[in-house]
N, C-alpha and C. Protein backbone atom coordinates (compact mmCIF):
# COMPACT_ATOMS: atom_id res chain seq x y z
N MET A 1 0.84 -1.19 0.00
CA MET A 1 0.00 0.00 0.00
C MET A 1 0.88 1.24 0.00
N ALA A 2 0.53 2.21 -0.81
CA ALA A 2 1.25 3.47 -0.88
C ALA A 2 0.58 4.48 0.05
N GLU A 3 1.40 5.30 0.71
CA GLU A 3 0.88 6.26 1.67
C GLU A 3 1.70 7.53 1.63
N ALA A 4 1.05 8.67 1.86
CA ALA A 4 1.74 9.95 1.91
C ALA A 4 1.05 10.88 2.89
N TYR A 5 1.82 11.82 3.42
CA TYR A 5 1.29 12.91 4.23
C TYR A 5 1.51 14.19 3.44
N ILE A 6 0.51 15.06 3.45
CA ILE A 6 0.61 16.32 2.72
C ILE A 6 0.33 17.46 3.69
N LEU A 7 1.28 18.38 3.79
CA LEU A 7 1.12 19.60 4.57
C LEU A 7 0.66 20.69 3.63
N ILE A 8 -0.40 21.40 4.00
CA ILE A 8 -1.06 22.32 3.08
C ILE A 8 -1.18 23.72 3.67
N ASN A 9 -0.90 24.72 2.84
CA ASN A 9 -1.22 26.12 3.12
C ASN A 9 -2.34 26.52 2.18
N CYS A 10 -3.40 27.13 2.73
CA CYS A 10 -4.51 27.53 1.87
C CYS A 10 -4.85 29.01 2.08
N GLU A 11 -5.75 29.49 1.25
CA GLU A 11 -6.18 30.88 1.34
C GLU A 11 -6.80 31.13 2.73
N LEU A 12 -6.53 32.28 3.29
CA LEU A 12 -7.04 32.65 4.60
C LEU A 12 -8.57 32.55 4.61
N GLY A 13 -9.10 31.82 5.58
CA GLY A 13 -10.54 31.68 5.72
C GLY A 13 -11.16 30.54 4.93
N SER A 14 -10.36 29.86 4.12
CA SER A 14 -10.90 28.77 3.29
C SER A 14 -10.69 27.39 3.90
N GLU A 15 -10.12 27.34 5.10
CA GLU A 15 -9.73 26.07 5.70
C GLU A 15 -10.88 25.06 5.79
N ASP A 16 -12.02 25.47 6.32
CA ASP A 16 -13.14 24.54 6.49
C ASP A 16 -13.61 23.98 5.15
N GLY A 17 -13.70 24.82 4.14
CA GLY A 17 -14.12 24.38 2.82
C GLY A 17 -13.12 23.43 2.17
N VAL A 18 -11.84 23.73 2.34
CA VAL A 18 -10.80 22.87 1.79
C VAL A 18 -10.84 21.50 2.47
N ILE A 19 -10.98 21.49 3.80
CA ILE A 19 -11.05 20.22 4.53
C ILE A 19 -12.24 19.40 4.03
N LYS A 20 -13.38 20.03 3.87
CA LYS A 20 -14.58 19.32 3.37
C LYS A 20 -14.32 18.74 1.98
N ASP A 21 -13.73 19.53 1.10
CA ASP A 21 -13.45 19.08 -0.27
C ASP A 21 -12.45 17.93 -0.29
N LEU A 22 -11.42 18.01 0.55
CA LEU A 22 -10.39 16.97 0.57
C LEU A 22 -10.96 15.64 1.06
N LYS A 23 -11.87 15.69 2.02
CA LYS A 23 -12.48 14.46 2.54
C LYS A 23 -13.24 13.70 1.46
N ALA A 24 -13.67 14.39 0.41
CA ALA A 24 -14.44 13.77 -0.67
C ALA A 24 -13.55 13.12 -1.74
N ILE A 25 -12.25 13.32 -1.66
CA ILE A 25 -11.33 12.76 -2.66
C ILE A 25 -11.00 11.32 -2.31
N SER A 26 -11.12 10.45 -3.29
CA SER A 26 -10.80 9.04 -3.11
C SER A 26 -9.34 8.88 -2.71
N GLY A 27 -9.11 8.11 -1.66
CA GLY A 27 -7.75 7.88 -1.18
C GLY A 27 -7.38 8.72 0.03
N VAL A 28 -8.13 9.79 0.28
CA VAL A 28 -7.83 10.62 1.44
C VAL A 28 -8.32 9.88 2.68
N ALA A 29 -7.38 9.50 3.55
CA ALA A 29 -7.69 8.71 4.73
C ALA A 29 -7.98 9.59 5.95
N ASP A 30 -7.37 10.77 6.00
CA ASP A 30 -7.51 11.63 7.17
C ASP A 30 -7.18 13.06 6.79
N VAL A 31 -7.91 14.01 7.34
CA VAL A 31 -7.66 15.44 7.11
C VAL A 31 -7.87 16.16 8.43
N LYS A 32 -6.92 16.96 8.83
CA LYS A 32 -7.02 17.72 10.08
C LYS A 32 -6.50 19.13 9.88
N GLY A 33 -7.18 20.09 10.50
CA GLY A 33 -6.65 21.44 10.58
C GLY A 33 -5.59 21.48 11.67
N VAL A 34 -4.52 22.27 11.45
CA VAL A 34 -3.44 22.36 12.41
C VAL A 34 -3.00 23.81 12.60
N PHE A 35 -2.41 24.09 13.76
CA PHE A 35 -1.80 25.39 14.01
C PHE A 35 -0.32 25.30 13.64
N GLY A 36 0.25 26.39 13.21
CA GLY A 36 1.67 26.42 12.91
C GLY A 36 1.92 26.94 11.51
N VAL A 37 3.00 26.49 10.91
CA VAL A 37 3.42 26.95 9.59
C VAL A 37 2.40 26.53 8.53
N TYR A 38 1.78 25.36 8.71
CA TYR A 38 0.80 24.85 7.75
C TYR A 38 -0.60 24.94 8.34
N ASP A 39 -1.61 24.90 7.47
CA ASP A 39 -3.00 25.02 7.89
C ASP A 39 -3.70 23.67 8.03
N ILE A 40 -3.30 22.71 7.20
CA ILE A 40 -3.98 21.41 7.13
C ILE A 40 -2.94 20.32 6.93
N ILE A 41 -3.18 19.16 7.56
CA ILE A 41 -2.39 17.97 7.27
C ILE A 41 -3.35 16.90 6.76
N THR A 42 -2.91 16.20 5.73
CA THR A 42 -3.74 15.18 5.09
C THR A 42 -2.94 13.90 4.94
N ARG A 43 -3.58 12.77 5.22
CA ARG A 43 -2.96 11.46 4.99
C ARG A 43 -3.70 10.80 3.83
N VAL A 44 -2.93 10.35 2.85
CA VAL A 44 -3.50 9.71 1.65
C VAL A 44 -2.99 8.28 1.58
N LYS A 45 -3.90 7.34 1.32
CA LYS A 45 -3.53 5.93 1.19
C LYS A 45 -4.12 5.41 -0.11
N ALA A 46 -3.36 4.57 -0.81
CA ALA A 46 -3.82 4.00 -2.07
C ALA A 46 -3.19 2.62 -2.26
N ALA A 47 -3.84 1.80 -3.07
CA ALA A 47 -3.34 0.45 -3.33
C ALA A 47 -2.05 0.47 -4.14
N THR A 48 -1.89 1.47 -5.01
CA THR A 48 -0.71 1.56 -5.86
C THR A 48 -0.13 2.97 -5.83
N GLU A 49 1.12 3.09 -6.26
CA GLU A 49 1.73 4.42 -6.34
C GLU A 49 1.02 5.29 -7.37
N GLU A 50 0.55 4.69 -8.44
CA GLU A 50 -0.16 5.44 -9.48
C GLU A 50 -1.45 6.06 -8.92
N GLU A 51 -2.20 5.29 -8.13
CA GLU A 51 -3.42 5.82 -7.50
C GLU A 51 -3.07 6.92 -6.50
N LEU A 52 -1.96 6.74 -5.80
CA LEU A 52 -1.51 7.76 -4.87
C LEU A 52 -1.18 9.06 -5.60
N LYS A 53 -0.49 8.96 -6.72
CA LYS A 53 -0.15 10.15 -7.52
C LYS A 53 -1.41 10.87 -7.99
N LYS A 54 -2.43 10.13 -8.39
CA LYS A 54 -3.68 10.75 -8.84
C LYS A 54 -4.35 11.52 -7.71
N ALA A 55 -4.40 10.91 -6.52
CA ALA A 55 -5.01 11.57 -5.38
C ALA A 55 -4.24 12.83 -4.99
N VAL A 56 -2.92 12.73 -4.97
CA VAL A 56 -2.09 13.89 -4.63
C VAL A 56 -2.29 15.00 -5.67
N GLY A 57 -2.38 14.64 -6.93
CA GLY A 57 -2.62 15.62 -7.99
C GLY A 57 -3.94 16.35 -7.81
N LYS A 58 -4.99 15.63 -7.43
CA LYS A 58 -6.30 16.26 -7.19
C LYS A 58 -6.21 17.23 -6.03
N ILE A 59 -5.50 16.83 -4.99
CA ILE A 59 -5.36 17.71 -3.83
C ILE A 59 -4.60 18.97 -4.21
N ARG A 60 -3.48 18.81 -4.89
CA ARG A 60 -2.63 19.95 -5.23
C ARG A 60 -3.30 20.92 -6.20
N SER A 61 -4.27 20.44 -6.96
CA SER A 61 -4.93 21.31 -7.95
C SER A 61 -6.11 22.09 -7.37
N HIS A 62 -6.41 21.89 -6.10
CA HIS A 62 -7.52 22.61 -5.47
C HIS A 62 -7.25 24.11 -5.55
N GLY A 63 -8.24 24.86 -5.94
CA GLY A 63 -8.08 26.29 -6.17
C GLY A 63 -7.72 27.13 -4.96
N SER A 64 -8.08 26.69 -3.77
CA SER A 64 -7.79 27.47 -2.56
C SER A 64 -6.49 27.10 -1.89
N ILE A 65 -5.79 26.09 -2.43
CA ILE A 65 -4.51 25.68 -1.85
C ILE A 65 -3.40 26.52 -2.47
N LYS A 66 -2.65 27.24 -1.62
CA LYS A 66 -1.55 28.08 -2.09
C LYS A 66 -0.26 27.29 -2.27
N SER A 67 0.02 26.37 -1.35
CA SER A 67 1.24 25.57 -1.43
C SER A 67 1.06 24.29 -0.64
N SER A 68 1.91 23.32 -0.95
CA SER A 68 1.84 22.05 -0.23
C SER A 68 3.22 21.40 -0.18
N LEU A 69 3.38 20.50 0.78
CA LEU A 69 4.59 19.72 0.92
C LEU A 69 4.15 18.26 1.06
N THR A 70 4.54 17.43 0.09
CA THR A 70 4.15 16.03 0.08
C THR A 70 5.30 15.16 0.55
N MET A 71 5.01 14.28 1.51
CA MET A 71 6.00 13.36 2.03
C MET A 71 5.48 11.94 1.84
N VAL A 72 6.12 11.18 0.96
CA VAL A 72 5.72 9.80 0.68
C VAL A 72 6.36 8.90 1.72
N VAL A 73 5.55 8.03 2.31
CA VAL A 73 6.02 7.12 3.35
C VAL A 73 6.86 6.00 2.72
N ILE A 74 7.96 5.65 3.37
CA ILE A 74 8.81 4.54 2.94
C ILE A 74 8.22 3.26 3.50
N GLU A 75 7.69 2.41 2.61
CA GLU A 75 7.06 1.18 3.04
C GLU A 75 8.06 0.25 3.72
N GLY A 76 7.66 -0.30 4.86
CA GLY A 76 8.47 -1.31 5.54
C GLY A 76 9.55 -0.77 6.46
N GLN A 77 9.88 0.50 6.35
CA GLN A 77 10.94 1.03 7.21
C GLN A 77 10.45 1.15 8.64
N GLY A 78 11.23 0.64 9.58
CA GLY A 78 10.90 0.73 10.98
C GLY A 78 9.99 -0.37 11.49
N GLU A 79 9.65 -1.30 10.64
CA GLU A 79 8.77 -2.40 11.08
C GLU A 79 9.55 -3.53 11.65
């Protein structure tokens, strides 16, 4: 299984709408608002890397997202 965490900065005041929209994207396993440098953290899970790339692409193309940082999980490390 492919997995990634995405840290997101969005337009001021759009956080609730972005969270709602992200929850509707296939592969999005978890979405939370956070305090700090980023506004939202999202966990994406998919059966394949290709499906993961598609989900990440949908997230990154959201109109209210200004920037993002994607971190792909290394499968099997630390187990």
